[in-house]
Amino acid sequence: EDLAGTLRCRSSFARRGVLLGGGFVDPGFRGHLTLCLTNAGREEIRIQEGERVVQIVLHEVLNADRAYAGRYQDSVGVVHTR
């Protein structure tokens, strides 16, 4: 509950035109992360299962008001929006 995360597209994909939308992980979040990737390049890019696409930068949160407790807590797989 004292860590937040920022997701970044790995440079090997970014150089090929892959963009990552969003990318913030709230303090206290547990579950699978859902990514929004856009191919802004000209070549077709195939991502294999288990391939490293993003990296996470962890940030210490001091005096957080409250931990994440939203509908995506402990999510597994894709959870559709309302």
PDB file of N, CA and C in Angstrom:
ATOM      1  N   GLU A   1       0.804  -1.203   0.000  1.00  0.00           N
ATOM      2  CA  GLU A   1       0.000   0.000   0.000  1.00  0.00           C
ATOM      3  C   GLU A   1       0.842   1.261   0.000  1.00  0.00           C
ATOM      4  N   ASP A   2       2.153   1.097   0.050  1.00  0.00           N
ATOM      5  CA  ASP A   2       3.013   2.277   0.034  1.00  0.00           C
ATOM      6  C   ASP A   2       3.801   2.395  -1.268  1.00  0.00           C
ATOM      7  N   LEU A   3       3.351   1.652  -2.311  1.00  0.00           N
ATOM      8  CA  LEU A   3       3.996   1.734  -3.619  1.00  0.00           C
ATOM      9  C   LEU A   3       2.965   2.012  -4.707  1.00  0.00           C
ATOM     10  N   ALA A   4       3.339   2.826  -5.668  1.00  0.00           N
ATOM     11  CA  ALA A   4       2.560   3.046  -6.884  1.00  0.00           C
ATOM     12  C   ALA A   4       3.483   2.701  -8.045  1.00  0.00           C
ATOM     13  N   GLY A   5       2.917   2.500  -9.214  1.00  0.00           N
ATOM     14  CA  GLY A   5       3.746   2.144 -10.354  1.00  0.00           C
ATOM     15  C   GLY A   5       3.396   2.927 -11.602  1.00  0.00           C
ATOM     16  N   THR A   6       4.414   3.187 -12.393  1.00  0.00           N
ATOM     17  CA  THR A   6       4.230   3.786 -13.710  1.00  0.00           C
ATOM     18  C   THR A   6       4.727   2.778 -14.736  1.00  0.00           C
ATOM     19  N   LEU A   7       3.874   2.438 -15.700  1.00  0.00           N
ATOM     20  CA  LEU A   7       4.251   1.494 -16.740  1.00  0.00           C
ATOM     21  C   LEU A   7       4.847   2.240 -17.920  1.00  0.00           C
ATOM     22  N   ARG A   8       5.902   1.686 -18.475  1.00  0.00           N
ATOM     23  CA  ARG A   8       6.577   2.263 -19.638  1.00  0.00           C
ATOM     24  C   ARG A   8       6.743   1.168 -20.694  1.00  0.00           C
ATOM     25  N   CYS A   9       6.549   1.540 -21.934  1.00  0.00           N
ATOM     26  CA  CYS A   9       6.794   0.610 -23.035  1.00  0.00           C
ATOM     27  C   CYS A   9       8.302   0.380 -23.125  1.00  0.00           C
ATOM     28  N   ARG A  10       8.712  -0.858 -23.303  1.00  0.00           N
ATOM     29  CA  ARG A  10      10.146  -1.137 -23.439  1.00  0.00           C
ATOM     30  C   ARG A  10      10.662  -0.473 -24.716  1.00  0.00           C
ATOM     31  N   SER A  11      11.870   0.018 -24.664  1.00  0.00           N
ATOM     32  CA  SER A  11      12.416   0.792 -25.783  1.00  0.00           C
ATOM     33  C   SER A  11      12.476  -0.011 -27.080  1.00  0.00           C
ATOM     34  N   SER A  12      12.657  -1.317 -26.980  1.00  0.00           N
ATOM     35  CA  SER A  12      12.710  -2.138 -28.195  1.00  0.00           C
ATOM     36  C   SER A  12      11.386  -2.093 -28.951  1.00  0.00           C
ATOM     37  N   PHE A  13      10.273  -1.933 -28.248  1.00  0.00           N
ATOM     38  CA  PHE A  13       8.970  -1.785 -28.900  1.00  0.00           C
ATOM     39  C   PHE A  13       8.704  -0.330 -29.257  1.00  0.00           C
ATOM     40  N   ALA A  14       9.072   0.586 -28.390  1.00  0.00           N
ATOM     41  CA  ALA A  14       8.838   2.010 -28.648  1.00  0.00           C
ATOM     42  C   ALA A  14       9.548   2.458 -29.925  1.00  0.00           C
ATOM     43  N   ARG A  15      10.748   1.962 -30.173  1.00  0.00           N
ATOM     44  CA  ARG A  15      11.485   2.322 -31.391  1.00  0.00           C
ATOM     45  C   ARG A  15      10.767   1.857 -32.649  1.00  0.00           C
ATOM     46  N   ARG A  16       9.904   0.852 -32.517  1.00  0.00           N
ATOM     47  CA  ARG A  16       9.151   0.331 -33.664  1.00  0.00           C
ATOM     48  C   ARG A  16       7.769   0.974 -33.773  1.00  0.00           C
ATOM     49  N   GLY A  17       7.476   1.932 -32.894  1.00  0.00           N
ATOM     50  CA  GLY A  17       6.218   2.669 -32.993  1.00  0.00           C
ATOM     51  C   GLY A  17       5.113   2.198 -32.077  1.00  0.00           C
ATOM     52  N   VAL A  18       5.412   1.319 -31.135  1.00  0.00           N
ATOM     53  CA  VAL A  18       4.388   0.848 -30.201  1.00  0.00           C
ATOM     54  C   VAL A  18       4.211   1.884 -29.093  1.00  0.00           C
ATOM     55  N   LEU A  19       2.958   2.279 -28.873  1.00  0.00           N
ATOM     56  CA  LEU A  19       2.621   3.255 -27.838  1.00  0.00           C
ATOM     57  C   LEU A  19       1.817   2.571 -26.744  1.00  0.00           C
ATOM     58  N   LEU A  20       2.066   2.956 -25.515  1.00  0.00           N
ATOM     59  CA  LEU A  20       1.336   2.424 -24.365  1.00  0.00           C
ATOM     60  C   LEU A  20       0.416   3.516 -23.841  1.00  0.00           C
ATOM     61  N   GLY A  21      -0.879   3.226 -23.785  1.00  0.00           N
ATOM     62  CA  GLY A  21      -1.840   4.187 -23.248  1.00  0.00           C
ATOM     63  C   GLY A  21      -2.013   3.976 -21.758  1.00  0.00           C
ATOM     64  N   GLY A  22      -2.180   5.050 -21.032  1.00  0.00           N
ATOM     65  CA  GLY A  22      -2.343   4.935 -19.581  1.00  0.00           C
ATOM     66  C   GLY A  22      -1.046   4.512 -18.942  1.00  0.00           C
ATOM     67  N   GLY A  23      -1.158   3.676 -17.946  1.00  0.00           N
ATOM     68  CA  GLY A  23       0.044   3.132 -17.374  1.00  0.00           C
ATOM     69  C   GLY A  23       0.354   3.528 -15.951  1.00  0.00           C
ATOM     70  N   PHE A  24      -0.668   3.768 -15.139  1.00  0.00           N
ATOM     71  CA  PHE A  24      -0.440   4.066 -13.726  1.00  0.00           C
ATOM     72  C   PHE A  24      -1.066   2.960 -12.892  1.00  0.00           C
ATOM     73  N   VAL A  25      -0.338   2.483 -11.886  1.00  0.00           N
ATOM     74  CA  VAL A  25      -0.838   1.443 -10.981  1.00  0.00           C
ATOM     75  C   VAL A  25      -1.006   2.075  -9.605  1.00  0.00           C
ATOM     76  N   ASP A  26      -2.242   2.065  -9.114  1.00  0.00           N
ATOM     77  CA  ASP A  26      -2.559   2.691  -7.829  1.00  0.00           C
ATOM     78  C   ASP A  26      -1.934   1.948  -6.655  1.00  0.00           C
ATOM     79  N   PRO A  27      -1.598   2.665  -5.589  1.00  0.00           N
ATOM     80  CA  PRO A  27      -1.111   2.015  -4.372  1.00  0.00           C
ATOM     81  C   PRO A  27      -2.151   1.006  -3.863  1.00  0.00           C
ATOM     82  N   GLY A  28      -1.711  -0.176  -3.502  1.00  0.00           N
ATOM     83  CA  GLY A  28      -2.607  -1.185  -2.961  1.00  0.00           C
ATOM     84  C   GLY A  28      -3.281  -2.061  -3.998  1.00  0.00           C
ATOM     85  N   PHE A  29      -3.092  -1.791  -5.289  1.00  0.00           N
ATOM     86  CA  PHE A  29      -3.736  -2.602  -6.330  1.00  0.00           C
ATOM     87  C   PHE A  29      -3.172  -4.014  -6.333  1.00  0.00           C
ATOM     88  N   ARG A  30      -4.063  -4.987  -6.486  1.00  0.00           N
ATOM     89  CA  ARG A  30      -3.690  -6.389  -6.665  1.00  0.00           C
ATOM     90  C   ARG A  30      -4.473  -6.911  -7.858  1.00  0.00           C
ATOM     91  N   GLY A  31      -3.834  -7.676  -8.693  1.00  0.00           N
ATOM     92  CA  GLY A  31      -4.543  -8.269  -9.828  1.00  0.00           C
ATOM     93  C   GLY A  31      -3.724  -8.175 -11.098  1.00  0.00           C
ATOM     94  N   HIS A  32      -4.346  -8.594 -12.190  1.00  0.00           N
ATOM     95  CA  HIS A  32      -3.702  -8.522 -13.493  1.00  0.00           C
ATOM     96  C   HIS A  32      -3.852  -7.114 -14.045  1.00  0.00           C
ATOM     97  N   LEU A  33      -2.827  -6.636 -14.707  1.00  0.00           N
ATOM     98  CA  LEU A  33      -2.882  -5.321 -15.345  1.00  0.00           C
ATOM     99  C   LEU A  33      -3.352  -5.493 -16.785  1.00  0.00           C
ATOM    100  N   THR A  34      -4.238  -4.624 -17.229  1.00  0.00           N
ATOM    101  CA  THR A  34      -4.713  -4.625 -18.607  1.00  0.00           C
ATOM    102  C   THR A  34      -4.011  -3.496 -19.346  1.00  0.00           C
ATOM    103  N   LEU A  35      -3.418  -3.816 -20.479  1.00  0.00           N
ATOM    104  CA  LEU A  35      -2.644  -2.836 -21.233  1.00  0.00           C
ATOM    105  C   LEU A  35      -3.394  -2.397 -22.480  1.00  0.00           C
ATOM    106  N   CYS A  36      -3.208  -1.149 -22.866  1.00  0.00           N
ATOM    107  CA  CYS A  36      -3.729  -0.614 -24.117  1.00  0.00           C
ATOM    108  C   CYS A  36      -2.526  -0.249 -24.978  1.00  0.00           C
ATOM    109  N   LEU A  37      -2.255  -1.073 -25.981  1.00  0.00           N
ATOM    110  CA  LEU A  37      -1.108  -0.848 -26.863  1.00  0.00           C
ATOM    111  C   LEU A  37      -1.599  -0.433 -28.244  1.00  0.00           C
ATOM    112  N   THR A  38      -0.906   0.521 -28.855  1.00  0.00           N
ATOM    113  CA  THR A  38      -1.232   0.974 -30.205  1.00  0.00           C
ATOM    114  C   THR A  38       0.021   0.881 -31.061  1.00  0.00           C
ATOM    115  N   ASN A  39      -0.137   0.320 -32.246  1.00  0.00           N
ATOM    116  CA  ASN A  39       0.975   0.255 -33.185  1.00  0.00           C
ATOM    117  C   ASN A  39       0.879   1.467 -34.109  1.00  0.00           C
ATOM    118  N   ALA A  40       1.704   2.474 -33.860  1.00  0.00           N
ATOM    119  CA  ALA A  40       1.730   3.679 -34.692  1.00  0.00           C
ATOM    120  C   ALA A  40       2.789   3.566 -35.788  1.00  0.00           C
ATOM    121  N   GLY A  41       3.451   2.433 -35.859  1.00  0.00           N
ATOM    122  CA  GLY A  41       4.481   2.223 -36.873  1.00  0.00           C
ATOM    123  C   GLY A  41       3.889   1.675 -38.155  1.00  0.00           C
ATOM    124  N   ARG A  42       4.761   1.363 -39.094  1.00  0.00           N
ATOM    125  CA  ARG A  42       4.321   0.882 -40.411  1.00  0.00           C
ATOM    126  C   ARG A  42       4.391  -0.635 -40.542  1.00  0.00           C
ATOM    127  N   GLU A  43       5.141  -1.276 -39.661  1.00  0.00           N
ATOM    128  CA  GLU A  43       5.297  -2.723 -39.779  1.00  0.00           C
ATOM    129  C   GLU A  43       4.331  -3.455 -38.846  1.00  0.00           C
ATOM    130  N   GLU A  44       3.952  -4.654 -39.252  1.00  0.00           N
ATOM    131  CA  GLU A  44       3.129  -5.497 -38.388  1.00  0.00           C
ATOM    132  C   GLU A  44       4.010  -6.005 -37.254  1.00  0.00           C
ATOM    133  N   ILE A  45       3.485  -5.946 -36.048  1.00  0.00           N
ATOM    134  CA  ILE A  45       4.239  -6.397 -34.879  1.00  0.00           C
ATOM    135  C   ILE A  45       3.434  -7.483 -34.187  1.00  0.00           C
ATOM    136  N   ARG A  46       4.054  -8.609 -34.000  1.00  0.00           N
ATOM    137  CA  ARG A  46       3.405  -9.714 -33.288  1.00  0.00           C
ATOM    138  C   ARG A  46       4.063  -9.849 -31.923  1.00  0.00           C
ATOM    139  N   ILE A  47       3.230  -9.923 -30.914  1.00  0.00           N
ATOM    140  CA  ILE A  47       3.728 -10.071 -29.547  1.00  0.00           C
ATOM    141  C   ILE A  47       3.447 -11.501 -29.111  1.00  0.00           C
ATOM    142  N   GLN A  48       4.487 -12.181 -28.716  1.00  0.00           N
ATOM    143  CA  GLN A  48       4.362 -13.571 -28.293  1.00  0.00           C
ATOM    144  C   GLN A  48       3.991 -13.649 -26.814  1.00  0.00           C
ATOM    145  N   GLU A  49       3.287 -14.692 -26.454  1.00  0.00           N
ATOM    146  CA  GLU A  49       2.936 -14.902 -25.050  1.00  0.00           C
ATOM    147  C   GLU A  49       4.214 -14.945 -24.217  1.00  0.00           C
ATOM    148  N   GLY A  50       4.211 -14.197 -23.127  1.00  0.00           N
ATOM    149  CA  GLY A  50       5.359 -14.163 -22.233  1.00  0.00           C
ATOM    150  C   GLY A  50       6.434 -13.161 -22.626  1.00  0.00           C
ATOM    151  N   GLU A  51       6.265 -12.525 -23.781  1.00  0.00           N
ATOM    152  CA  GLU A  51       7.259 -11.536 -24.225  1.00  0.00           C
ATOM    153  C   GLU A  51       7.181 -10.286 -23.355  1.00  0.00           C
ATOM    154  N   ARG A  52       8.318  -9.716 -23.036  1.00  0.00           N
ATOM    155  CA  ARG A  52       8.374  -8.523 -22.185  1.00  0.00           C
ATOM    156  C   ARG A  52       8.104  -7.291 -23.041  1.00  0.00           C
ATOM    157  N   VAL A  53       6.985  -6.638 -22.765  1.00  0.00           N
ATOM    158  CA  VAL A  53       6.547  -5.498 -23.559  1.00  0.00           C
ATOM    159  C   VAL A  53       6.687  -4.203 -22.775  1.00  0.00           C
ATOM    160  N   VAL A  54       6.409  -4.255 -21.493  1.00  0.00           N
ATOM    161  CA  VAL A  54       6.470  -3.050 -20.659  1.00  0.00           C
ATOM    162  C   VAL A  54       7.388  -3.286 -19.466  1.00  0.00           C
ATOM    163  N   GLN A  55       7.765  -2.193 -18.857  1.00  0.00           N
ATOM    164  CA  GLN A  55       8.502  -2.251 -17.592  1.00  0.00           C
ATOM    165  C   GLN A  55       7.770  -1.354 -16.612  1.00  0.00           C
ATOM    166  N   ILE A  56       7.945  -1.620 -15.347  1.00  0.00           N
ATOM    167  CA  ILE A  56       7.262  -0.832 -14.324  1.00  0.00           C
ATOM    168  C   ILE A  56       8.303  -0.109 -13.468  1.00  0.00           C
ATOM    169  N   VAL A  57       8.031   1.156 -13.237  1.00  0.00           N
ATOM    170  CA  VAL A  57       8.856   1.969 -12.346  1.00  0.00           C
ATOM    171  C   VAL A  57       8.055   2.137 -11.062  1.00  0.00           C
ATOM    172  N   LEU A  58       8.606   1.692  -9.948  1.00  0.00           N
ATOM    173  CA  LEU A  58       7.902   1.773  -8.668  1.00  0.00           C
ATOM    174  C   LEU A  58       8.242   3.072  -7.952  1.00  0.00           C
ATOM    175  N   HIS A  59       7.220   3.650  -7.329  1.00  0.00           N
ATOM    176  CA  HIS A  59       7.370   4.905  -6.603  1.00  0.00           C
ATOM    177  C   HIS A  59       6.874   4.701  -5.175  1.00  0.00           C
ATOM    178  N   GLU A  60       7.648   5.119  -4.213  1.00  0.00           N
ATOM    179  CA  GLU A  60       7.197   5.057  -2.825  1.00  0.00           C
ATOM    180  C   GLU A  60       6.174   6.168  -2.592  1.00  0.00           C
ATOM    181  N   VAL A  61       5.067   5.805  -1.957  1.00  0.00           N
ATOM    182  CA  VAL A  61       4.009   6.775  -1.655  1.00  0.00           C
ATOM    183  C   VAL A  61       4.040   7.050  -0.160  1.00  0.00           C
ATOM    184  N   LEU A  62       4.228   8.288   0.187  1.00  0.00           N
ATOM    185  CA  LEU A  62       4.247   8.681   1.590  1.00  0.00           C
ATOM    186  C   LEU A  62       2.885   9.241   1.975  1.00  0.00           C
ATOM    187  N   ASN A  63       2.362   8.794   3.094  1.00  0.00           N
ATOM    188  CA  ASN A  63       1.091   9.304   3.617  1.00  0.00           C
ATOM    189  C   ASN A  63      -0.059   9.170   2.628  1.00  0.00           C
ATOM    190  N   ALA A  64      -0.216   7.988   2.040  1.00  0.00           N
ATOM    191  CA  ALA A  64      -1.335   7.767   1.123  1.00  0.00           C
ATOM    192  C   ALA A  64      -2.649   7.856   1.885  1.00  0.00           C
ATOM    193  N   ASP A  65      -3.627   8.507   1.287  1.00  0.00           N
ATOM    194  CA  ASP A  65      -4.942   8.641   1.917  1.00  0.00           C
ATOM    195  C   ASP A  65      -5.595   7.283   2.123  1.00  0.00           C
ATOM    196  N   ARG A  66      -5.579   6.481   1.052  1.00  0.00           N
ATOM    197  CA  ARG A  66      -6.177   5.146   1.142  1.00  0.00           C
ATOM    198  C   ARG A  66      -5.656   4.302  -0.006  1.00  0.00           C
ATOM    199  N   ALA A  67      -5.687   3.008   0.182  1.00  0.00           N
ATOM    200  CA  ALA A  67      -5.238   2.088  -0.855  1.00  0.00           C
ATOM    201  C   ALA A  67      -6.367   1.859  -1.856  1.00  0.00           C
ATOM    202  N   TYR A  68      -6.013   1.417  -3.048  1.00  0.00           N
ATOM    203  CA  TYR A  68      -6.989   1.124  -4.086  1.00  0.00           C
ATOM    204  C   TYR A  68      -7.930   0.028  -3.613  1.00  0.00           C
ATOM    205  N   ALA A  69      -9.223   0.218  -3.825  1.00  0.00           N
ATOM    206  CA  ALA A  69     -10.221  -0.788  -3.452  1.00  0.00           C
ATOM    207  C   ALA A  69     -11.341  -0.819  -4.480  1.00  0.00           C
ATOM    208  N   GLY A  70     -11.024  -0.528  -5.743  1.00  0.00           N
ATOM    209  CA  GLY A  70     -12.025  -0.453  -6.802  1.00  0.00           C
ATOM    210  C   GLY A  70     -12.423  -1.806  -7.351  1.00  0.00           C
ATOM    211  N   ARG A  71     -13.227  -1.779  -8.404  1.00  0.00           N
ATOM    212  CA  ARG A  71     -13.792  -3.006  -8.972  1.00  0.00           C
ATOM    213  C   ARG A  71     -12.756  -3.898  -9.652  1.00  0.00           C
ATOM    214  N   TYR A  72     -11.579  -3.381  -9.938  1.00  0.00           N
ATOM    215  CA  TYR A  72     -10.551  -4.179 -10.600  1.00  0.00           C
ATOM    216  C   TYR A  72      -9.605  -4.871  -9.617  1.00  0.00           C
ATOM    217  N   GLN A  73      -9.820  -4.669  -8.317  1.00  0.00           N
ATOM    218  CA  GLN A  73      -8.973  -5.308  -7.303  1.00  0.00           C
ATOM    219  C   GLN A  73      -9.069  -6.822  -7.443  1.00  0.00           C
ATOM    220  N   ASP A  74      -7.948  -7.501  -7.426  1.00  0.00           N
ATOM    221  CA  ASP A  74      -7.844  -8.960  -7.556  1.00  0.00           C
ATOM    222  C   ASP A  74      -8.361  -9.472  -8.896  1.00  0.00           C
ATOM    223  N   SER A  75      -8.355  -8.625  -9.922  1.00  0.00           N
ATOM    224  CA  SER A  75      -8.864  -9.022 -11.234  1.00  0.00           C
ATOM    225  C   SER A  75      -7.955 -10.067 -11.878  1.00  0.00           C
ATOM    226  N   VAL A  76      -8.580 -10.901 -12.696  1.00  0.00           N
ATOM    227  CA  VAL A  76      -7.871 -11.907 -13.475  1.00  0.00           C
ATOM    228  C   VAL A  76      -8.411 -11.810 -14.895  1.00  0.00           C
ATOM    229  N   GLY A  77      -7.534 -11.602 -15.855  1.00  0.00           N
ATOM    230  CA  GLY A  77      -7.986 -11.461 -17.236  1.00  0.00           C
ATOM    231  C   GLY A  77      -8.576 -10.082 -17.482  1.00  0.00           C
ATOM    232  N   VAL A  78      -9.303  -9.970 -18.592  1.00  0.00           N
ATOM    233  CA  VAL A  78      -9.899  -8.690 -18.971  1.00  0.00           C
ATOM    234  C   VAL A  78     -11.168  -8.459 -18.175  1.00  0.00           C
ATOM    235  N   VAL A  79     -11.292  -7.282 -17.594  1.00  0.00           N
ATOM    236  CA  VAL A  79     -12.517  -6.870 -16.901  1.00  0.00           C
ATOM    237  C   VAL A  79     -13.063  -5.694 -17.694  1.00  0.00           C
ATOM    238  N   HIS A  80     -14.236  -5.866 -18.281  1.00  0.00           N
ATOM    239  CA  HIS A  80     -14.811  -4.822 -19.127  1.00  0.00           C
ATOM    240  C   HIS A  80     -15.334  -3.663 -18.290  1.00  0.00           C
ATOM    241  N   THR A  81     -15.259  -2.465 -18.861  1.00  0.00           N
ATOM    242  CA  THR A  81     -15.787  -1.286 -18.183  1.00  0.00           C
ATOM    243  C   THR A  81     -17.307  -1.347 -18.173  1.00  0.00           C
ATOM    244  N   ARG A  82     -17.880  -0.508 -17.364  1.00  0.00           N
ATOM    245  CA  ARG A  82     -19.352  -0.515 -17.243  1.00  0.00           C
ATOM    246  C   ARG A  82     -20.035  -0.084 -18.482  1.00  0.00           C
TER     247      ARG A  82
END
